[in-house]
Amino acid sequence: MEKVFVVPVRGVVCTGTVTSGTVRVGQPAKITLDEESRSVTVSRIEAYGKKRSSAAAGEQAGLFLGGLTIADVPTVPGQDGSIKDGDGLAGAQVVSVF
């Protein structure tokens, strides 16, 4: 994951590049938060402002993750004392569950 955002009414969206395989809407997945694996569901995929049913390896996409709330996203303190929620999942991976 590169960034994480909260979209009102829709929930948490994580952006990044699909590293292998294909991710599909409705697909169960796991994300690791604070060294704990958490079950989520890919509820929506967007790429370049368009709704998609899937995203393949090498594509950048935003994954809306059901089962994850903003309260679950770790915060990162900024150098100026601010809190940067958008970087809280930087480097995290969402892994498909087959």
C-alpha atoms as a PDB file:
ATOM      1  CA  MET A   1       0.000   0.000   0.000  1.00  0.00           C
ATOM      2  CA  GLU A   2       1.136   3.475  -0.748  1.00  0.00           C
ATOM      3  CA  LYS A   3      -1.625   5.590   0.785  1.00  0.00           C
ATOM      4  CA  VAL A   4      -4.856   5.146   2.698  1.00  0.00           C
ATOM      5  CA  PHE A   5      -7.891   7.404   2.581  1.00  0.00           C
ATOM      6  CA  VAL A   6     -11.344   7.489   4.087  1.00  0.00           C
ATOM      7  CA  VAL A   7     -14.093   8.203   1.576  1.00  0.00           C
ATOM      8  CA  PRO A   8     -17.282   9.328   3.333  1.00  0.00           C
ATOM      9  CA  VAL A   9     -20.042   6.692   3.169  1.00  0.00           C
ATOM     10  CA  ARG A  10     -17.814   4.254   1.208  1.00  0.00           C
ATOM     11  CA  GLY A  11     -15.136   3.596   3.822  1.00  0.00           C
ATOM     12  CA  VAL A  12     -11.393   2.988   3.763  1.00  0.00           C
ATOM     13  CA  VAL A  13      -9.574   2.875   0.425  1.00  0.00           C
ATOM     14  CA  CYS A  14      -5.955   1.788   0.084  1.00  0.00           C
ATOM     15  CA  THR A  15      -3.977   2.704  -3.008  1.00  0.00           C
ATOM     16  CA  GLY A  16      -0.994   0.977  -4.525  1.00  0.00           C
ATOM     17  CA  THR A  17       0.245  -1.376  -7.221  1.00  0.00           C
ATOM     18  CA  VAL A  18      -1.025  -4.928  -7.629  1.00  0.00           C
ATOM     19  CA  THR A  19       2.175  -6.973  -7.331  1.00  0.00           C
ATOM     20  CA  SER A  20       0.947 -10.357  -8.572  1.00  0.00           C
ATOM     21  CA  GLY A  21      -2.176 -12.090  -9.815  1.00  0.00           C
ATOM     22  CA  THR A  22      -5.522 -10.354 -10.167  1.00  0.00           C
ATOM     23  CA  VAL A  23      -7.681  -8.827  -7.453  1.00  0.00           C
ATOM     24  CA  ARG A  24     -11.460  -8.877  -7.928  1.00  0.00           C
ATOM     25  CA  VAL A  25     -14.446  -7.167  -6.301  1.00  0.00           C
ATOM     26  CA  GLY A  26     -15.976  -9.436  -3.651  1.00  0.00           C
ATOM     27  CA  GLN A  27     -12.725 -11.289  -3.092  1.00  0.00           C
ATOM     28  CA  PRO A  28     -11.753 -12.091   0.499  1.00  0.00           C
ATOM     29  CA  ALA A  29      -8.304 -10.899   1.531  1.00  0.00           C
ATOM     30  CA  LYS A  30      -6.067 -10.337   4.537  1.00  0.00           C
ATOM     31  CA  ILE A  31      -4.156  -7.243   5.597  1.00  0.00           C
ATOM     32  CA  THR A  32      -1.546  -7.166   8.350  1.00  0.00           C
ATOM     33  CA  LEU A  33      -1.945  -4.360  10.886  1.00  0.00           C
ATOM     34  CA  ASP A  34       0.459  -4.081  13.809  1.00  0.00           C
ATOM     35  CA  GLU A  35       1.717  -7.627  13.092  1.00  0.00           C
ATOM     36  CA  GLU A  36      -1.833  -8.997  13.295  1.00  0.00           C
ATOM     37  CA  SER A  37      -3.548 -10.436  10.227  1.00  0.00           C
ATOM     38  CA  ARG A  38      -7.042  -9.052   9.625  1.00  0.00           C
ATOM     39  CA  SER A  39      -9.736 -10.419   7.288  1.00  0.00           C
ATOM     40  CA  VAL A  40     -11.206  -7.923   4.819  1.00  0.00           C
ATOM     41  CA  THR A  41     -13.218  -8.011   1.604  1.00  0.00           C
ATOM     42  CA  VAL A  42     -12.431  -6.073  -1.557  1.00  0.00           C
ATOM     43  CA  SER A  43     -15.728  -4.205  -1.867  1.00  0.00           C
ATOM     44  CA  ARG A  44     -14.790  -1.885  -4.752  1.00  0.00           C
ATOM     45  CA  ILE A  45     -11.864  -1.244  -7.084  1.00  0.00           C
ATOM     46  CA  GLU A  46     -11.080   2.050  -8.798  1.00  0.00           C
ATOM     47  CA  ALA A  47      -8.272   2.880 -11.181  1.00  0.00           C
ATOM     48  CA  TYR A  48      -7.696   6.337 -12.617  1.00  0.00           C
ATOM     49  CA  GLY A  49     -11.094   7.529 -11.419  1.00  0.00           C
ATOM     50  CA  LYS A  50     -13.041   4.649 -12.966  1.00  0.00           C
ATOM     51  CA  LYS A  51     -14.853   1.795 -11.251  1.00  0.00           C
ATOM     52  CA  ARG A  52     -13.377  -1.609 -12.154  1.00  0.00           C
ATOM     53  CA  SER A  53     -14.336  -5.216 -11.492  1.00  0.00           C
ATOM     54  CA  SER A  54     -10.682  -6.285 -11.239  1.00  0.00           C
ATOM     55  CA  ALA A  55      -7.072  -5.089 -11.334  1.00  0.00           C
ATOM     56  CA  ALA A  56      -4.122  -7.168 -12.553  1.00  0.00           C
ATOM     57  CA  ALA A  57      -0.430  -7.329 -11.649  1.00  0.00           C
ATOM     58  CA  GLY A  58       1.391  -4.106 -12.476  1.00  0.00           C
ATOM     59  CA  GLU A  59      -1.728  -1.930 -12.348  1.00  0.00           C
ATOM     60  CA  GLN A  60      -2.210   0.838  -9.835  1.00  0.00           C
ATOM     61  CA  ALA A  61      -5.580   0.748  -8.116  1.00  0.00           C
ATOM     62  CA  GLY A  62      -7.566   1.873  -5.126  1.00  0.00           C
ATOM     63  CA  LEU A  63      -9.054  -0.980  -3.123  1.00  0.00           C
ATOM     64  CA  PHE A  64     -12.047  -0.269  -0.915  1.00  0.00           C
ATOM     65  CA  LEU A  65     -11.736  -2.751   1.937  1.00  0.00           C
ATOM     66  CA  GLY A  66     -14.836  -3.911   3.774  1.00  0.00           C
ATOM     67  CA  GLY A  67     -14.149  -4.904   7.367  1.00  0.00           C
ATOM     68  CA  LEU A  68     -11.606  -2.110   7.886  1.00  0.00           C
ATOM     69  CA  THR A  69     -12.437   1.236   9.506  1.00  0.00           C
ATOM     70  CA  ILE A  70     -10.423   4.388  10.011  1.00  0.00           C
ATOM     71  CA  ALA A  71     -10.065   3.426  13.677  1.00  0.00           C
ATOM     72  CA  ASP A  72      -8.044   0.393  12.499  1.00  0.00           C
ATOM     73  CA  VAL A  73      -5.525   2.476  10.535  1.00  0.00           C
ATOM     74  CA  PRO A  74      -2.324   3.255  12.440  1.00  0.00           C
ATOM     75  CA  THR A  75      -1.316   6.920  12.506  1.00  0.00           C
ATOM     76  CA  VAL A  76       2.123   8.310  11.718  1.00  0.00           C
ATOM     77  CA  PRO A  77       3.297  11.520  13.417  1.00  0.00           C
ATOM     78  CA  GLY A  78       4.532  14.210  11.012  1.00  0.00           C
ATOM     79  CA  GLN A  79       7.663  16.260  11.613  1.00  0.00           C
ATOM     80  CA  ASP A  80       5.543  19.340  12.297  1.00  0.00           C
ATOM     81  CA  GLY A  81       3.527  17.574  15.011  1.00  0.00           C
ATOM     82  CA  SER A  82       0.604  16.718  12.720  1.00  0.00           C
ATOM     83  CA  ILE A  83      -0.816  13.233  12.301  1.00  0.00           C
ATOM     84  CA  LYS A  84      -0.511  11.716   8.835  1.00  0.00           C
ATOM     85  CA  ASP A  85      -3.175   9.030   8.572  1.00  0.00           C
ATOM     86  CA  GLY A  86      -2.516   8.653   4.836  1.00  0.00           C
ATOM     87  CA  ASP A  87       0.855   7.065   5.540  1.00  0.00           C
ATOM     88  CA  GLY A  88      -0.365   4.703   8.262  1.00  0.00           C
ATOM     89  CA  LEU A  89      -0.437   1.648   5.980  1.00  0.00           C
ATOM     90  CA  ALA A  90       2.553   2.521   3.802  1.00  0.00           C
ATOM     91  CA  GLY A  91       4.273  -0.717   2.872  1.00  0.00           C
ATOM     92  CA  ALA A  92       1.407  -2.944   4.059  1.00  0.00           C
ATOM     93  CA  GLN A  93       0.208  -5.699   1.747  1.00  0.00           C
ATOM     94  CA  VAL A  94      -3.290  -6.924   1.021  1.00  0.00           C
ATOM     95  CA  VAL A  95      -3.114 -10.644   0.249  1.00  0.00           C
ATOM     96  CA  SER A  96      -5.856 -12.632  -1.470  1.00  0.00           C
ATOM     97  CA  VAL A  97      -7.415 -15.547   0.348  1.00  0.00           C
ATOM     98  CA  PHE A  98      -8.179 -18.490  -1.924  1.00  0.00           C
END
